[in-house]
Amino acid sequence: MSLNKTKIPEIIENVSKAIIGKREVTEKILVALLSGGHVLIEDVPGVGKTTLVNAISKSIGCSFKRIQFTPDLVPSDITGLTVYNMKNGEFEYRQGPIASNMILADEINRSSPKTQSSLLEAMQERQITVDGCTYKLPRPFMVLATQNPIEYEGTFPLPEAQLDRFTLRITMGYPNFMEEKKILSAYKEEEPLTTLQAVVTGQEIEEMQKEVERVFVDESIQDYIIQITQLTRNHNDVYLGCSPRATLALFNAARALAYIRGREYVIPDDVKELAFATLAHRLILKSEAKIQGKDEHSVLTDILKSIRVPVVKLNA
């Protein structure tokens, strides 16, 4: 087993000091991080979205910037801008907050589509273009965006092209009674977030990402992933199915989950566990399906039930 792989439990344990009872959510964010993806966290205010992102960034020793998306935010507030330096008579680039390892795009749907789209190049190509000049972004690089799913007044829904850039869409949910009791105890005197220390470095995260790329995926599981995404394009209730980018996202996410679980190979359960978080936000259902009370979750459930799960034989 890789020495880097053994640090995964350390990261999860460290994050749990600041965010109680959200191990599964933490795992999924690590899945996106190790597969080179991004995460959309969709949940109501006050459940700890910002705290979770802060805790993860502190645990992996990477630079972190929070961008509060508001109606008056413009693209240059994110990417930076070129200014004229009167002292030397030259134009200089002043980098924006996007030039960090981890970006929290808080309430991303509160800004205009033009501002939202300024993240597209960064999320896909790990670079930004300002006034015709291209600047590489630091590695690792990850965008974690949040939005409130029940508040629509004064918001701009994310377009399909933007949603498709997010590897996973996840929710946190409310804590149960015992978890909320532990939260009161943990935050009684001092906020745990202020004392968190890094347990890995950014370089170690990059090494883990390379190790994830070497996780074995049997051909039958590759076919299983392709079958799932292709059926979303032919389903009677679906207006717009998943793109090839979604197929690749599920493939990479499954490898990262296998790695986190301590395996060097992917099993069908890895694919099934991540299918909803990876694919549901990429589907657009037909109006008649919505009228009948169907949603993306029920459609994906039907698809998964209709496909034969592969049996993978692994040599001892």
C-alpha atoms as a PDB file:
ATOM      1  CA  MET A   1       0.000   0.000   0.000  1.00  0.00           C
ATOM      2  CA  SER A   2       1.202   3.490  -0.849  1.00  0.00           C
ATOM      3  CA  LEU A   3       2.368   5.621   2.070  1.00  0.00           C
ATOM      4  CA  ASN A   4       0.268   8.471   0.654  1.00  0.00           C
ATOM      5  CA  LYS A   5      -2.835   6.270   0.702  1.00  0.00           C
ATOM      6  CA  THR A   6      -2.455   5.668   4.432  1.00  0.00           C
ATOM      7  CA  LYS A   7      -2.849   9.417   5.012  1.00  0.00           C
ATOM      8  CA  ILE A   8      -6.447   9.441   3.776  1.00  0.00           C
ATOM      9  CA  PRO A   9      -7.839   8.388   7.203  1.00  0.00           C
ATOM     10  CA  GLU A  10      -5.706  11.125   8.792  1.00  0.00           C
ATOM     11  CA  ILE A  11      -7.295  13.769   6.565  1.00  0.00           C
ATOM     12  CA  ILE A  12     -10.821  12.516   7.309  1.00  0.00           C
ATOM     13  CA  GLU A  13     -10.108  12.356  11.059  1.00  0.00           C
ATOM     14  CA  ASN A  14      -8.647  15.861  11.034  1.00  0.00           C
ATOM     15  CA  VAL A  15     -11.672  17.293   9.194  1.00  0.00           C
ATOM     16  CA  SER A  16     -14.021  15.559  11.666  1.00  0.00           C
ATOM     17  CA  LYS A  17     -12.619  17.735  14.463  1.00  0.00           C
ATOM     18  CA  ALA A  18     -14.328  20.748  12.893  1.00  0.00           C
ATOM     19  CA  ILE A  19     -17.291  19.163  11.119  1.00  0.00           C
ATOM     20  CA  ILE A  20     -19.124  16.474  13.084  1.00  0.00           C
ATOM     21  CA  GLY A  21     -20.696  13.367  11.552  1.00  0.00           C
ATOM     22  CA  LYS A  22     -20.084  14.077   7.862  1.00  0.00           C
ATOM     23  CA  ARG A  23     -17.533  11.380   6.995  1.00  0.00           C
ATOM     24  CA  GLU A  24     -19.355  10.331   3.815  1.00  0.00           C
ATOM     25  CA  VAL A  25     -19.515  13.939   2.579  1.00  0.00           C
ATOM     26  CA  THR A  26     -15.819  14.434   3.359  1.00  0.00           C
ATOM     27  CA  GLU A  27     -15.000  11.252   1.439  1.00  0.00           C
ATOM     28  CA  LYS A  28     -16.866  12.477  -1.619  1.00  0.00           C
ATOM     29  CA  ILE A  29     -15.035  15.797  -1.619  1.00  0.00           C
ATOM     30  CA  LEU A  30     -11.758  13.866  -1.410  1.00  0.00           C
ATOM     31  CA  VAL A  31     -12.977  11.727  -4.323  1.00  0.00           C
ATOM     32  CA  ALA A  32     -13.380  14.881  -6.418  1.00  0.00           C
ATOM     33  CA  LEU A  33     -10.045  16.292  -5.241  1.00  0.00           C
ATOM     34  CA  LEU A  34      -8.073  13.124  -6.018  1.00  0.00           C
ATOM     35  CA  SER A  35      -9.768  12.698  -9.405  1.00  0.00           C
ATOM     36  CA  GLY A  36      -9.019  16.308 -10.363  1.00  0.00           C
ATOM     37  CA  GLY A  37     -12.652  17.385 -10.194  1.00  0.00           C
ATOM     38  CA  HIS A  38     -14.898  19.991  -8.598  1.00  0.00           C
ATOM     39  CA  VAL A  39     -17.887  19.855  -6.243  1.00  0.00           C
ATOM     40  CA  LEU A  40     -21.233  21.622  -6.051  1.00  0.00           C
ATOM     41  CA  ILE A  41     -22.588  21.572  -2.480  1.00  0.00           C
ATOM     42  CA  GLU A  42     -26.313  22.190  -2.549  1.00  0.00           C
ATOM     43  CA  ASP A  43     -27.918  22.660   0.846  1.00  0.00           C
ATOM     44  CA  VAL A  44     -29.705  25.072   3.157  1.00  0.00           C
ATOM     45  CA  PRO A  45     -27.762  27.735   5.105  1.00  0.00           C
ATOM     46  CA  GLY A  46     -26.133  26.862   8.405  1.00  0.00           C
ATOM     47  CA  VAL A  47     -25.340  23.160   7.935  1.00  0.00           C
ATOM     48  CA  GLY A  48     -21.575  23.719   7.737  1.00  0.00           C
ATOM     49  CA  LYS A  49     -20.767  23.981   4.026  1.00  0.00           C
ATOM     50  CA  THR A  50     -18.174  26.736   4.454  1.00  0.00           C
ATOM     51  CA  THR A  51     -16.732  25.138   7.587  1.00  0.00           C
ATOM     52  CA  LEU A  52     -16.272  21.841   5.769  1.00  0.00           C
ATOM     53  CA  VAL A  53     -14.413  23.453   2.857  1.00  0.00           C
ATOM     54  CA  ASN A  54     -12.228  25.426   5.280  1.00  0.00           C
ATOM     55  CA  ALA A  55     -11.433  22.285   7.266  1.00  0.00           C
ATOM     56  CA  ILE A  56     -10.402  20.345   4.161  1.00  0.00           C
ATOM     57  CA  SER A  57      -8.197  23.164   2.844  1.00  0.00           C
ATOM     58  CA  LYS A  58      -6.456  23.465   6.218  1.00  0.00           C
ATOM     59  CA  SER A  59      -5.993  19.695   6.447  1.00  0.00           C
ATOM     60  CA  ILE A  60      -4.202  19.460   3.100  1.00  0.00           C
ATOM     61  CA  GLY A  61      -1.982  22.509   3.602  1.00  0.00           C
ATOM     62  CA  CYS A  62      -3.089  24.333   0.455  1.00  0.00           C
ATOM     63  CA  SER A  63      -3.916  27.940  -0.277  1.00  0.00           C
ATOM     64  CA  PHE A  64      -7.613  28.747   0.057  1.00  0.00           C
ATOM     65  CA  LYS A  65      -9.743  31.670  -1.107  1.00  0.00           C
ATOM     66  CA  ARG A  66     -13.408  32.322  -0.545  1.00  0.00           C
ATOM     67  CA  ILE A  67     -15.280  34.285  -3.200  1.00  0.00           C
ATOM     68  CA  GLN A  68     -18.677  35.583  -2.116  1.00  0.00           C
ATOM     69  CA  PHE A  69     -20.822  35.605  -5.242  1.00  0.00           C
ATOM     70  CA  THR A  70     -23.121  38.628  -5.279  1.00  0.00           C
ATOM     71  CA  PRO A  71     -25.144  40.314  -8.065  1.00  0.00           C
ATOM     72  CA  ASP A  72     -22.511  43.055  -8.479  1.00  0.00           C
ATOM     73  CA  LEU A  73     -19.549  40.662  -8.806  1.00  0.00           C
ATOM     74  CA  VAL A  74     -17.793  40.907 -12.188  1.00  0.00           C
ATOM     75  CA  PRO A  75     -15.410  38.412 -13.880  1.00  0.00           C
ATOM     76  CA  SER A  76     -12.294  40.516 -13.160  1.00  0.00           C
ATOM     77  CA  ASP A  77     -13.094  40.256  -9.427  1.00  0.00           C
ATOM     78  CA  ILE A  78     -12.386  36.535  -9.831  1.00  0.00           C
ATOM     79  CA  THR A  79      -9.716  36.237 -12.517  1.00  0.00           C
ATOM     80  CA  GLY A  80      -7.815  39.458 -11.826  1.00  0.00           C
ATOM     81  CA  LEU A  81      -7.068  42.253 -14.272  1.00  0.00           C
ATOM     82  CA  THR A  82      -4.317  44.043 -16.148  1.00  0.00           C
ATOM     83  CA  VAL A  83      -3.371  47.496 -14.852  1.00  0.00           C
ATOM     84  CA  TYR A  84      -0.974  50.141 -16.137  1.00  0.00           C
ATOM     85  CA  ASN A  85       2.044  50.737 -13.920  1.00  0.00           C
ATOM     86  CA  MET A  86       2.954  54.397 -14.309  1.00  0.00           C
ATOM     87  CA  LYS A  87       6.338  53.872 -12.629  1.00  0.00           C
ATOM     88  CA  ASN A  88       7.754  51.531 -15.265  1.00  0.00           C
ATOM     89  CA  GLY A  89       5.343  52.374 -18.085  1.00  0.00           C
ATOM     90  CA  GLU A  90       4.168  48.790 -18.518  1.00  0.00           C
ATOM     91  CA  PHE A  91       0.949  46.858 -18.094  1.00  0.00           C
ATOM     92  CA  GLU A  92       0.989  44.357 -15.227  1.00  0.00           C
ATOM     93  CA  TYR A  93      -1.305  41.509 -14.352  1.00  0.00           C
ATOM     94  CA  ARG A  94      -2.799  41.620 -10.847  1.00  0.00           C
ATOM     95  CA  GLN A  95      -4.001  38.133 -10.062  1.00  0.00           C
ATOM     96  CA  GLY A  96      -7.428  37.530  -8.588  1.00  0.00           C
ATOM     97  CA  PRO A  97      -8.517  35.058  -5.901  1.00  0.00           C
ATOM     98  CA  ILE A  98      -8.864  32.288  -8.522  1.00  0.00           C
ATOM     99  CA  ALA A  99      -5.073  31.796  -8.309  1.00  0.00           C
ATOM    100  CA  SER A 100      -5.353  29.488  -5.276  1.00  0.00           C
ATOM    101  CA  ASN A 101      -5.412  25.739  -4.726  1.00  0.00           C
ATOM    102  CA  MET A 102      -8.934  25.617  -3.319  1.00  0.00           C
ATOM    103  CA  ILE A 103     -11.694  28.053  -4.227  1.00  0.00           C
ATOM    104  CA  LEU A 104     -14.958  28.364  -2.338  1.00  0.00           C
ATOM    105  CA  ALA A 105     -17.502  29.915  -4.706  1.00  0.00           C
ATOM    106  CA  ASP A 106     -20.058  30.774  -2.047  1.00  0.00           C
ATOM    107  CA  GLU A 107     -23.679  31.104  -3.232  1.00  0.00           C
ATOM    108  CA  ILE A 108     -22.551  30.820  -6.834  1.00  0.00           C
ATOM    109  CA  ASN A 109     -26.076  31.228  -8.218  1.00  0.00           C
ATOM    110  CA  ARG A 110     -26.364  34.791  -6.849  1.00  0.00           C
ATOM    111  CA  SER A 111     -24.102  36.199  -9.581  1.00  0.00           C
ATOM    112  CA  SER A 112     -24.917  36.762 -13.233  1.00  0.00           C
ATOM    113  CA  PRO A 113     -24.288  34.054 -15.855  1.00  0.00           C
ATOM    114  CA  LYS A 114     -21.411  36.153 -17.236  1.00  0.00           C
ATOM    115  CA  THR A 115     -19.644  36.053 -13.876  1.00  0.00           C
ATOM    116  CA  GLN A 116     -20.422  32.363 -13.374  1.00  0.00           C
ATOM    117  CA  SER A 117     -18.929  31.584 -16.788  1.00  0.00           C
ATOM    118  CA  SER A 118     -15.601  33.118 -15.763  1.00  0.00           C
ATOM    119  CA  LEU A 119     -14.973  29.850 -13.893  1.00  0.00           C
ATOM    120  CA  LEU A 120     -15.445  27.606 -16.938  1.00  0.00           C
ATOM    121  CA  GLU A 121     -11.915  27.823 -18.334  1.00  0.00           C
ATOM    122  CA  ALA A 122     -10.375  27.537 -14.881  1.00  0.00           C
ATOM    123  CA  MET A 123     -12.395  24.424 -13.995  1.00  0.00           C
ATOM    124  CA  GLN A 124     -11.767  22.618 -17.263  1.00  0.00           C
ATOM    125  CA  GLU A 125      -8.255  23.666 -18.304  1.00  0.00           C
ATOM    126  CA  ARG A 126      -6.678  24.814 -15.017  1.00  0.00           C
ATOM    127  CA  GLN A 127      -5.832  28.174 -16.555  1.00  0.00           C
ATOM    128  CA  ILE A 128      -7.344  31.613 -17.043  1.00  0.00           C
ATOM    129  CA  THR A 129      -7.109  34.113 -19.877  1.00  0.00           C
ATOM    130  CA  VAL A 130      -7.003  37.826 -19.103  1.00  0.00           C
ATOM    131  CA  ASP A 131      -6.631  40.415 -21.881  1.00  0.00           C
ATOM    132  CA  GLY A 132      -5.368  37.785 -24.300  1.00  0.00           C
ATOM    133  CA  CYS A 133      -2.718  36.383 -21.932  1.00  0.00           C
ATOM    134  CA  THR A 134      -3.019  32.898 -20.429  1.00  0.00           C
ATOM    135  CA  TYR A 135      -1.964  32.140 -16.866  1.00  0.00           C
ATOM    136  CA  LYS A 136      -1.623  28.670 -15.392  1.00  0.00           C
ATOM    137  CA  LEU A 137      -3.343  27.994 -12.073  1.00  0.00           C
ATOM    138  CA  PRO A 138      -1.584  26.306  -9.138  1.00  0.00           C
ATOM    139  CA  ARG A 139      -1.821  22.544  -8.606  1.00  0.00           C
ATOM    140  CA  PRO A 140      -3.755  20.980  -7.083  1.00  0.00           C
ATOM    141  CA  PHE A 141      -6.728  23.123  -8.078  1.00  0.00           C
ATOM    142  CA  MET A 142     -10.312  22.633  -7.026  1.00  0.00           C
ATOM    143  CA  VAL A 143     -13.544  24.664  -7.035  1.00  0.00           C
ATOM    144  CA  LEU A 144     -16.155  23.979  -4.376  1.00  0.00           C
ATOM    145  CA  ALA A 145     -19.334  25.929  -5.029  1.00  0.00           C
ATOM    146  CA  THR A 146     -22.345  26.263  -2.754  1.00  0.00           C
ATOM    147  CA  GLN A 147     -25.946  27.177  -3.437  1.00  0.00           C
ATOM    148  CA  ASN A 148     -29.235  27.159  -1.577  1.00  0.00           C
ATOM    149  CA  PRO A 149     -31.642  24.749  -3.347  1.00  0.00           C
ATOM    150  CA  ILE A 150     -34.838  26.332  -2.046  1.00  0.00           C
ATOM    151  CA  GLU A 151     -34.144  30.038  -2.583  1.00  0.00           C
ATOM    152  CA  TYR A 152     -34.801  31.222  -6.135  1.00  0.00           C
ATOM    153  CA  GLU A 153     -35.575  34.943  -5.798  1.00  0.00           C
ATOM    154  CA  GLY A 154     -32.630  37.030  -6.987  1.00  0.00           C
ATOM    155  CA  THR A 155     -30.669  34.007  -8.224  1.00  0.00           C
ATOM    156  CA  PHE A 156     -29.420  32.820 -11.609  1.00  0.00           C
ATOM    157  CA  PRO A 157     -29.699  29.040 -12.093  1.00  0.00           C
ATOM    158  CA  LEU A 158     -26.456  27.460 -13.256  1.00  0.00           C
ATOM    159  CA  PRO A 159     -26.541  26.688 -16.998  1.00  0.00           C
ATOM    160  CA  GLU A 160     -25.959  23.124 -18.209  1.00  0.00           C
ATOM    161  CA  ALA A 161     -22.411  23.906 -19.363  1.00  0.00           C
ATOM    162  CA  GLN A 162     -21.512  25.063 -15.854  1.00  0.00           C
ATOM    163  CA  LEU A 163     -23.188  22.127 -14.095  1.00  0.00           C
ATOM    164  CA  ASP A 164     -21.378  19.706 -16.374  1.00  0.00           C
ATOM    165  CA  ARG A 165     -18.019  20.991 -15.043  1.00  0.00           C
ATOM    166  CA  PHE A 166     -18.813  19.751 -11.527  1.00  0.00           C
ATOM    167  CA  THR A 167     -17.709  16.163 -10.933  1.00  0.00           C
ATOM    168  CA  LEU A 168     -20.102  15.727  -8.007  1.00  0.00           C
ATOM    169  CA  ARG A 169     -23.155  17.424  -6.582  1.00  0.00           C
ATOM    170  CA  ILE A 170     -23.632  16.615  -2.917  1.00  0.00           C
ATOM    171  CA  THR A 171     -25.786  17.610   0.035  1.00  0.00           C
ATOM    172  CA  MET A 172     -24.818  17.647   3.713  1.00  0.00           C
ATOM    173  CA  GLY A 173     -28.152  17.388   5.479  1.00  0.00           C
ATOM    174  CA  TYR A 174     -28.983  18.219   9.062  1.00  0.00           C
ATOM    175  CA  PRO A 175     -27.107  16.458  11.894  1.00  0.00           C
ATOM    176  CA  ASN A 176     -28.955  13.933  14.046  1.00  0.00           C
ATOM    177  CA  PHE A 177     -29.519  14.487  17.786  1.00  0.00           C
ATOM    178  CA  MET A 178     -26.214  13.009  18.981  1.00  0.00           C
ATOM    179  CA  GLU A 179     -24.199  14.746  16.244  1.00  0.00           C
ATOM    180  CA  GLU A 180     -25.735  18.102  17.130  1.00  0.00           C
ATOM    181  CA  LYS A 181     -24.936  17.467  20.790  1.00  0.00           C
ATOM    182  CA  LYS A 182     -21.293  16.815  19.850  1.00  0.00           C
ATOM    183  CA  ILE A 183     -21.282  20.059  17.851  1.00  0.00           C
ATOM    184  CA  LEU A 184     -22.360  22.018  20.956  1.00  0.00           C
ATOM    185  CA  SER A 185     -19.622  20.340  22.971  1.00  0.00           C
ATOM    186  CA  ALA A 186     -16.913  20.890  20.341  1.00  0.00           C
ATOM    187  CA  TYR A 187     -17.765  24.574  19.858  1.00  0.00           C
ATOM    188  CA  LYS A 188     -18.446  25.360  23.504  1.00  0.00           C
ATOM    189  CA  GLU A 189     -15.134  27.095  24.201  1.00  0.00           C
ATOM    190  CA  GLU A 190     -13.125  27.523  21.037  1.00  0.00           C
ATOM    191  CA  GLU A 191     -13.874  26.993  17.366  1.00  0.00           C
ATOM    192  CA  PRO A 192     -11.990  23.806  16.345  1.00  0.00           C
ATOM    193  CA  LEU A 193     -11.310  25.244  12.885  1.00  0.00           C
ATOM    194  CA  THR A 194      -8.829  27.744  14.325  1.00  0.00           C
ATOM    195  CA  THR A 195      -6.570  24.990  15.682  1.00  0.00           C
ATOM    196  CA  LEU A 196      -6.579  22.618  12.705  1.00  0.00           C
ATOM    197  CA  GLN A 197      -3.155  21.740  11.339  1.00  0.00           C
ATOM    198  CA  ALA A 198      -2.231  20.331   7.948  1.00  0.00           C
ATOM    199  CA  VAL A 199      -1.723  16.558   7.851  1.00  0.00           C
ATOM    200  CA  VAL A 200      -0.583  16.403   4.203  1.00  0.00           C
ATOM    201  CA  THR A 201       0.980  18.826   1.737  1.00  0.00           C
ATOM    202  CA  GLY A 202      -0.161  19.963  -1.672  1.00  0.00           C
ATOM    203  CA  GLN A 203       2.686  17.970  -3.218  1.00  0.00           C
ATOM    204  CA  GLU A 204       1.457  14.802  -1.494  1.00  0.00           C
ATOM    205  CA  ILE A 205      -2.041  15.438  -2.886  1.00  0.00           C
ATOM    206  CA  GLU A 206      -0.544  15.660  -6.389  1.00  0.00           C
ATOM    207  CA  GLU A 207       1.254  12.343  -5.782  1.00  0.00           C
ATOM    208  CA  MET A 208      -2.043  10.794  -4.674  1.00  0.00           C
ATOM    209  CA  GLN A 209      -3.718  12.065  -7.853  1.00  0.00           C
ATOM    210  CA  LYS A 210      -1.064  10.283  -9.915  1.00  0.00           C
ATOM    211  CA  GLU A 211      -1.587   7.091  -7.898  1.00  0.00           C
ATOM    212  CA  VAL A 212      -5.343   7.291  -8.518  1.00  0.00           C
ATOM    213  CA  GLU A 213      -4.619   7.301 -12.258  1.00  0.00           C
ATOM    214  CA  ARG A 214      -2.965   3.887 -11.820  1.00  0.00           C
ATOM    215  CA  VAL A 215      -6.000   2.277 -10.145  1.00  0.00           C
ATOM    216  CA  PHE A 216      -7.126  -0.671 -12.284  1.00  0.00           C
ATOM    217  CA  VAL A 217     -10.566  -0.615 -13.940  1.00  0.00           C
ATOM    218  CA  ASP A 218     -11.621  -3.883 -15.563  1.00  0.00           C
ATOM    219  CA  GLU A 219     -13.061  -3.632 -19.065  1.00  0.00           C
ATOM    220  CA  SER A 220     -16.408  -4.993 -17.867  1.00  0.00           C
ATOM    221  CA  ILE A 221     -16.677  -2.105 -15.382  1.00  0.00           C
ATOM    222  CA  GLN A 222     -15.733   0.385 -18.072  1.00  0.00           C
ATOM    223  CA  ASP A 223     -18.579  -1.036 -20.175  1.00  0.00           C
ATOM    224  CA  TYR A 224     -20.879  -0.793 -17.123  1.00  0.00           C
ATOM    225  CA  ILE A 225     -20.116   2.929 -16.752  1.00  0.00           C
ATOM    226  CA  ILE A 226     -20.694   3.575 -20.460  1.00  0.00           C
ATOM    227  CA  GLN A 227     -23.994   1.661 -20.394  1.00  0.00           C
ATOM    228  CA  ILE A 228     -25.260   3.822 -17.534  1.00  0.00           C
ATOM    229  CA  THR A 229     -24.495   7.136 -19.236  1.00  0.00           C
ATOM    230  CA  GLN A 230     -25.737   5.958 -22.638  1.00  0.00           C
ATOM    231  CA  LEU A 231     -29.065   4.892 -21.165  1.00  0.00           C
ATOM    232  CA  THR A 232     -29.559   8.398 -19.749  1.00  0.00           C
ATOM    233  CA  ARG A 233     -29.556   9.636 -23.359  1.00  0.00           C
ATOM    234  CA  ASN A 234     -32.223   7.156 -24.465  1.00  0.00           C
ATOM    235  CA  HIS A 235     -34.514   7.125 -21.435  1.00  0.00           C
ATOM    236  CA  ASN A 236     -38.136   8.073 -22.120  1.00  0.00           C
ATOM    237  CA  ASP A 237     -38.230  10.553 -19.239  1.00  0.00           C
ATOM    238  CA  VAL A 238     -34.988  12.351 -20.098  1.00  0.00           C
ATOM    239  CA  TYR A 239     -34.828  15.415 -22.356  1.00  0.00           C
ATOM    240  CA  LEU A 240     -31.032  15.808 -22.138  1.00  0.00           C
ATOM    241  CA  GLY A 241     -28.807  12.955 -20.980  1.00  0.00           C
ATOM    242  CA  CYS A 242     -25.252  12.776 -19.695  1.00  0.00           C
ATOM    243  CA  SER A 243     -22.321  13.865 -21.839  1.00  0.00           C
ATOM    244  CA  PRO A 244     -19.063  11.950 -22.446  1.00  0.00           C
ATOM    245  CA  ARG A 245     -17.568  14.273 -19.822  1.00  0.00           C
ATOM    246  CA  ALA A 246     -19.960  12.667 -17.338  1.00  0.00           C
ATOM    247  CA  THR A 247     -18.760   9.188 -18.365  1.00  0.00           C
ATOM    248  CA  LEU A 248     -15.176  10.239 -17.742  1.00  0.00           C
ATOM    249  CA  ALA A 249     -16.117  11.890 -14.441  1.00  0.00           C
ATOM    250  CA  LEU A 250     -17.766   8.695 -13.159  1.00  0.00           C
ATOM    251  CA  PHE A 251     -14.786   6.635 -14.322  1.00  0.00           C
ATOM    252  CA  ASN A 252     -12.260   8.877 -12.541  1.00  0.00           C
ATOM    253  CA  ALA A 253     -14.404   9.250  -9.424  1.00  0.00           C
ATOM    254  CA  ALA A 254     -14.751   5.465  -9.109  1.00  0.00           C
ATOM    255  CA  ARG A 255     -10.959   5.122  -9.248  1.00  0.00           C
ATOM    256  CA  ALA A 256     -10.559   7.763  -6.543  1.00  0.00           C
ATOM    257  CA  LEU A 257     -13.136   6.073  -4.294  1.00  0.00           C
ATOM    258  CA  ALA A 258     -11.383   2.712  -4.684  1.00  0.00           C
ATOM    259  CA  TYR A 259      -8.111   4.415  -3.736  1.00  0.00           C
ATOM    260  CA  ILE A 260      -9.672   6.010  -0.647  1.00  0.00           C
ATOM    261  CA  ARG A 261     -11.059   2.609   0.397  1.00  0.00           C
ATOM    262  CA  GLY A 262      -7.547   1.136   0.162  1.00  0.00           C
ATOM    263  CA  ARG A 263      -7.970  -0.823  -3.067  1.00  0.00           C
ATOM    264  CA  GLU A 264      -5.936  -0.801  -6.260  1.00  0.00           C
ATOM    265  CA  TYR A 265      -8.933  -1.776  -8.379  1.00  0.00           C
ATOM    266  CA  VAL A 266     -12.510  -0.593  -8.914  1.00  0.00           C
ATOM    267  CA  ILE A 267     -15.532  -2.746  -8.077  1.00  0.00           C
ATOM    268  CA  PRO A 268     -19.131  -2.247  -9.332  1.00  0.00           C
ATOM    269  CA  ASP A 269     -20.210  -0.917  -5.922  1.00  0.00           C
ATOM    270  CA  ASP A 270     -17.845   2.046  -6.371  1.00  0.00           C
ATOM    271  CA  VAL A 271     -19.689   2.991  -9.558  1.00  0.00           C
ATOM    272  CA  LYS A 272     -23.144   2.497  -8.019  1.00  0.00           C
ATOM    273  CA  GLU A 273     -22.232   4.523  -4.930  1.00  0.00           C
ATOM    274  CA  LEU A 274     -21.123   7.518  -6.992  1.00  0.00           C
ATOM    275  CA  ALA A 275     -23.611   7.340  -9.873  1.00  0.00           C
ATOM    276  CA  PHE A 276     -26.217   9.634  -8.287  1.00  0.00           C
ATOM    277  CA  ALA A 277     -23.762  12.314  -7.105  1.00  0.00           C
ATOM    278  CA  THR A 278     -21.949  12.256 -10.454  1.00  0.00           C
ATOM    279  CA  LEU A 279     -24.829  12.069 -12.930  1.00  0.00           C
ATOM    280  CA  ALA A 280     -28.079  13.417 -11.411  1.00  0.00           C
ATOM    281  CA  HIS A 281     -27.222  17.122 -11.795  1.00  0.00           C
ATOM    282  CA  ARG A 282     -26.378  16.588 -15.472  1.00  0.00           C
ATOM    283  CA  LEU A 283     -29.835  15.275 -16.389  1.00  0.00           C
ATOM    284  CA  ILE A 284     -32.703  17.392 -17.687  1.00  0.00           C
ATOM    285  CA  LEU A 285     -36.041  15.631 -17.434  1.00  0.00           C
ATOM    286  CA  LYS A 286     -39.003  16.101 -19.741  1.00  0.00           C
ATOM    287  CA  SER A 287     -41.844  18.279 -18.425  1.00  0.00           C
ATOM    288  CA  GLU A 288     -44.314  15.379 -18.479  1.00  0.00           C
ATOM    289  CA  ALA A 289     -41.957  13.289 -16.307  1.00  0.00           C
ATOM    290  CA  LYS A 290     -41.830  16.063 -13.709  1.00  0.00           C
ATOM    291  CA  ILE A 291     -45.622  16.349 -13.747  1.00  0.00           C
ATOM    292  CA  GLN A 292     -45.778  12.634 -12.972  1.00  0.00           C
ATOM    293  CA  GLY A 293     -43.628  13.259  -9.889  1.00  0.00           C
ATOM    294  CA  LYS A 294     -40.427  11.757 -11.266  1.00  0.00           C
ATOM    295  CA  ASP A 295     -36.983  13.184 -10.538  1.00  0.00           C
ATOM    296  CA  GLU A 296     -33.379  12.529 -11.537  1.00  0.00           C
ATOM    297  CA  HIS A 297     -32.878  10.137  -8.634  1.00  0.00           C
ATOM    298  CA  SER A 298     -35.781   7.898  -9.642  1.00  0.00           C
ATOM    299  CA  VAL A 299     -34.660   7.869 -13.291  1.00  0.00           C
ATOM    300  CA  LEU A 300     -31.136   6.819 -12.346  1.00  0.00           C
ATOM    301  CA  THR A 301     -32.546   4.155 -10.022  1.00  0.00           C
ATOM    302  CA  ASP A 302     -34.509   2.710 -12.964  1.00  0.00           C
ATOM    303  CA  ILE A 303     -31.409   2.765 -15.161  1.00  0.00           C
ATOM    304  CA  LEU A 304     -29.197   1.031 -12.596  1.00  0.00           C
ATOM    305  CA  LYS A 305     -31.834  -1.656 -12.037  1.00  0.00           C
ATOM    306  CA  SER A 306     -32.054  -2.329 -15.768  1.00  0.00           C
ATOM    307  CA  ILE A 307     -28.340  -3.025 -16.252  1.00  0.00           C
ATOM    308  CA  ARG A 308     -26.682  -6.294 -15.364  1.00  0.00           C
ATOM    309  CA  VAL A 309     -23.963  -5.664 -12.767  1.00  0.00           C
ATOM    310  CA  PRO A 310     -20.648  -7.119 -13.978  1.00  0.00           C
ATOM    311  CA  VAL A 311     -18.884  -9.857 -12.027  1.00  0.00           C
ATOM    312  CA  VAL A 312     -15.190  -9.056 -11.932  1.00  0.00           C
ATOM    313  CA  LYS A 313     -12.688 -11.834 -11.346  1.00  0.00           C
ATOM    314  CA  LEU A 314      -9.460 -10.597  -9.841  1.00  0.00           C
ATOM    315  CA  ASN A 315      -6.323 -12.695  -9.638  1.00  0.00           C
ATOM    316  CA  ALA A 316      -5.093 -13.236  -6.127  1.00  0.00           C
END
